[in-house]
Amino acid sequence: MLPLTRRLDTNKRIRLPKYARRVLGAHAGDILVLRISKGERSLRTSLPLNKGGVVYIPTDVQGALGLDAGDILSVEVEEVIKKKEGGGEV
């Protein structure tokens, strides 16, 4: 598990730093199992890692956690599900 503190940008996304992606062995197309927390609220979800280390936070997750642009989030990467060569999951 890798804990990070990230700021939610105006497009409601977070960026995983290069060092974190390297430590995790995560690449674009992989699915990240994340625990996202804001204050006392916490939610576990699986989201795709996009090019440049970007993870878009879906509207339902934003609503459940009461997220707004600029919020500071605690993000724990619990697992990386590798993308298969053919485009599916391993």
C-alpha atoms as a PDB file:
ATOM      1  CA  MET A   1       0.000   0.000   0.000  1.00  0.00           C
ATOM      2  CA  LEU A   2       1.320   3.430  -0.953  1.00  0.00           C
ATOM      3  CA  PRO A   3      -0.195   6.463   0.860  1.00  0.00           C
ATOM      4  CA  LEU A   4      -0.162   9.826  -0.936  1.00  0.00           C
ATOM      5  CA  THR A   5      -1.571  13.296  -0.354  1.00  0.00           C
ATOM      6  CA  ARG A   6      -2.911  14.852  -3.562  1.00  0.00           C
ATOM      7  CA  ARG A   7      -4.858  17.990  -4.500  1.00  0.00           C
ATOM      8  CA  LEU A   8      -7.990  17.575  -6.642  1.00  0.00           C
ATOM      9  CA  ASP A   9      -7.608  19.822  -9.699  1.00  0.00           C
ATOM     10  CA  THR A  10     -10.340  21.868 -11.411  1.00  0.00           C
ATOM     11  CA  ASN A  11     -11.141  18.934 -13.733  1.00  0.00           C
ATOM     12  CA  LYS A  12     -11.732  16.681 -10.682  1.00  0.00           C
ATOM     13  CA  ARG A  13      -8.678  14.524 -11.227  1.00  0.00           C
ATOM     14  CA  ILE A  14      -5.497  13.689  -9.368  1.00  0.00           C
ATOM     15  CA  ARG A  15      -2.049  12.960 -10.732  1.00  0.00           C
ATOM     16  CA  LEU A  16       0.138  10.194  -9.356  1.00  0.00           C
ATOM     17  CA  PRO A  17       3.739  11.396  -9.264  1.00  0.00           C
ATOM     18  CA  LYS A  18       6.284   9.593 -11.423  1.00  0.00           C
ATOM     19  CA  TYR A  19       8.129   8.199  -8.389  1.00  0.00           C
ATOM     20  CA  ALA A  20       4.887   6.604  -7.126  1.00  0.00           C
ATOM     21  CA  ARG A  21       4.098   5.067 -10.531  1.00  0.00           C
ATOM     22  CA  ARG A  22       7.652   3.708 -10.677  1.00  0.00           C
ATOM     23  CA  VAL A  23       7.477   2.198  -7.166  1.00  0.00           C
ATOM     24  CA  LEU A  24       4.094   0.620  -7.974  1.00  0.00           C
ATOM     25  CA  GLY A  25       5.093  -0.486 -11.471  1.00  0.00           C
ATOM     26  CA  ALA A  26       1.926   1.236 -12.719  1.00  0.00           C
ATOM     27  CA  HIS A  27       1.437   2.276 -16.337  1.00  0.00           C
ATOM     28  CA  ALA A  28      -1.317   3.910 -18.392  1.00  0.00           C
ATOM     29  CA  GLY A  29      -4.199   1.456 -18.799  1.00  0.00           C
ATOM     30  CA  ASP A  30      -3.632  -0.287 -15.464  1.00  0.00           C
ATOM     31  CA  ILE A  31      -6.476  -0.276 -12.935  1.00  0.00           C
ATOM     32  CA  LEU A  32      -5.667   1.155  -9.519  1.00  0.00           C
ATOM     33  CA  VAL A  33      -7.534   0.011  -6.419  1.00  0.00           C
ATOM     34  CA  LEU A  34      -7.634   3.186  -4.334  1.00  0.00           C
ATOM     35  CA  ARG A  35      -8.850   4.259  -0.926  1.00  0.00           C
ATOM     36  CA  ILE A  36      -9.674   7.950  -1.226  1.00  0.00           C
ATOM     37  CA  SER A  37     -10.295   9.956   1.946  1.00  0.00           C
ATOM     38  CA  LYS A  38     -11.352  13.515   2.707  1.00  0.00           C
ATOM     39  CA  GLY A  39     -11.543  14.231   6.397  1.00  0.00           C
ATOM     40  CA  GLU A  40     -13.559  11.474   8.078  1.00  0.00           C
ATOM     41  CA  ARG A  41     -15.076  10.212   4.816  1.00  0.00           C
ATOM     42  CA  SER A  42     -13.384   7.349   2.983  1.00  0.00           C
ATOM     43  CA  LEU A  43     -14.242   5.301  -0.078  1.00  0.00           C
ATOM     44  CA  ARG A  44     -12.589   2.347  -1.840  1.00  0.00           C
ATOM     45  CA  THR A  45     -12.813   2.277  -5.643  1.00  0.00           C
ATOM     46  CA  SER A  46     -11.056   0.957  -8.752  1.00  0.00           C
ATOM     47  CA  LEU A  47     -10.103   3.528 -11.381  1.00  0.00           C
ATOM     48  CA  PRO A  48      -7.988   3.462 -14.548  1.00  0.00           C
ATOM     49  CA  LEU A  49      -4.608   5.161 -14.686  1.00  0.00           C
ATOM     50  CA  ASN A  50      -4.426   7.404 -17.736  1.00  0.00           C
ATOM     51  CA  LYS A  51      -1.447   8.775 -19.641  1.00  0.00           C
ATOM     52  CA  GLY A  52       0.749  11.027 -17.543  1.00  0.00           C
ATOM     53  CA  GLY A  53      -0.358   9.410 -14.293  1.00  0.00           C
ATOM     54  CA  VAL A  54      -3.793  11.043 -14.280  1.00  0.00           C
ATOM     55  CA  VAL A  55      -6.748   9.460 -12.470  1.00  0.00           C
ATOM     56  CA  TYR A  56     -10.191  10.995 -13.086  1.00  0.00           C
ATOM     57  CA  ILE A  57     -12.475  10.941 -10.040  1.00  0.00           C
ATOM     58  CA  PRO A  58     -16.011   9.935 -11.154  1.00  0.00           C
ATOM     59  CA  THR A  59     -19.051  12.044 -10.261  1.00  0.00           C
ATOM     60  CA  ASP A  60     -20.476   9.415  -7.892  1.00  0.00           C
ATOM     61  CA  VAL A  61     -17.221   9.326  -5.900  1.00  0.00           C
ATOM     62  CA  GLN A  62     -17.090  13.139  -5.846  1.00  0.00           C
ATOM     63  CA  GLY A  63     -20.627  13.231  -4.458  1.00  0.00           C
ATOM     64  CA  ALA A  64     -20.081  10.490  -1.877  1.00  0.00           C
ATOM     65  CA  LEU A  65     -17.026  12.264  -0.467  1.00  0.00           C
ATOM     66  CA  GLY A  66     -18.272  15.834  -0.985  1.00  0.00           C
ATOM     67  CA  LEU A  67     -15.294  16.719  -3.201  1.00  0.00           C
ATOM     68  CA  ASP A  68     -14.608  20.131  -4.714  1.00  0.00           C
ATOM     69  CA  ALA A  69     -11.753  21.366  -6.865  1.00  0.00           C
ATOM     70  CA  GLY A  70      -8.755  22.240  -4.709  1.00  0.00           C
ATOM     71  CA  ASP A  71      -9.557  19.732  -1.958  1.00  0.00           C
ATOM     72  CA  ILE A  72      -6.626  17.912  -0.394  1.00  0.00           C
ATOM     73  CA  LEU A  73      -7.167  14.146  -0.470  1.00  0.00           C
ATOM     74  CA  SER A  74      -5.498  11.233   1.206  1.00  0.00           C
ATOM     75  CA  VAL A  75      -5.057   8.537  -1.450  1.00  0.00           C
ATOM     76  CA  GLU A  76      -3.813   5.022  -0.747  1.00  0.00           C
ATOM     77  CA  VAL A  77      -2.984   2.781  -3.693  1.00  0.00           C
ATOM     78  CA  GLU A  78      -3.928  -0.669  -2.413  1.00  0.00           C
ATOM     79  CA  GLU A  79      -3.367  -2.659  -5.601  1.00  0.00           C
ATOM     80  CA  VAL A  80      -2.390  -2.279  -9.256  1.00  0.00           C
ATOM     81  CA  ILE A  81      -4.241  -4.537 -11.697  1.00  0.00           C
ATOM     82  CA  LYS A  82      -2.031  -4.821 -14.755  1.00  0.00           C
ATOM     83  CA  LYS A  83      -3.416  -4.332 -18.245  1.00  0.00           C
ATOM     84  CA  LYS A  84      -2.989  -7.356 -20.502  1.00  0.00           C
ATOM     85  CA  GLU A  85      -1.166  -6.924 -23.801  1.00  0.00           C
ATOM     86  CA  GLY A  86      -4.439  -7.525 -25.697  1.00  0.00           C
ATOM     87  CA  GLY A  87      -6.165  -4.656 -23.868  1.00  0.00           C
ATOM     88  CA  GLY A  88      -7.929  -6.560 -21.032  1.00  0.00           C
ATOM     89  CA  GLU A  89      -6.956  -7.131 -17.435  1.00  0.00           C
ATOM     90  CA  VAL A  90      -4.609  -9.873 -16.276  1.00  0.00           C
END
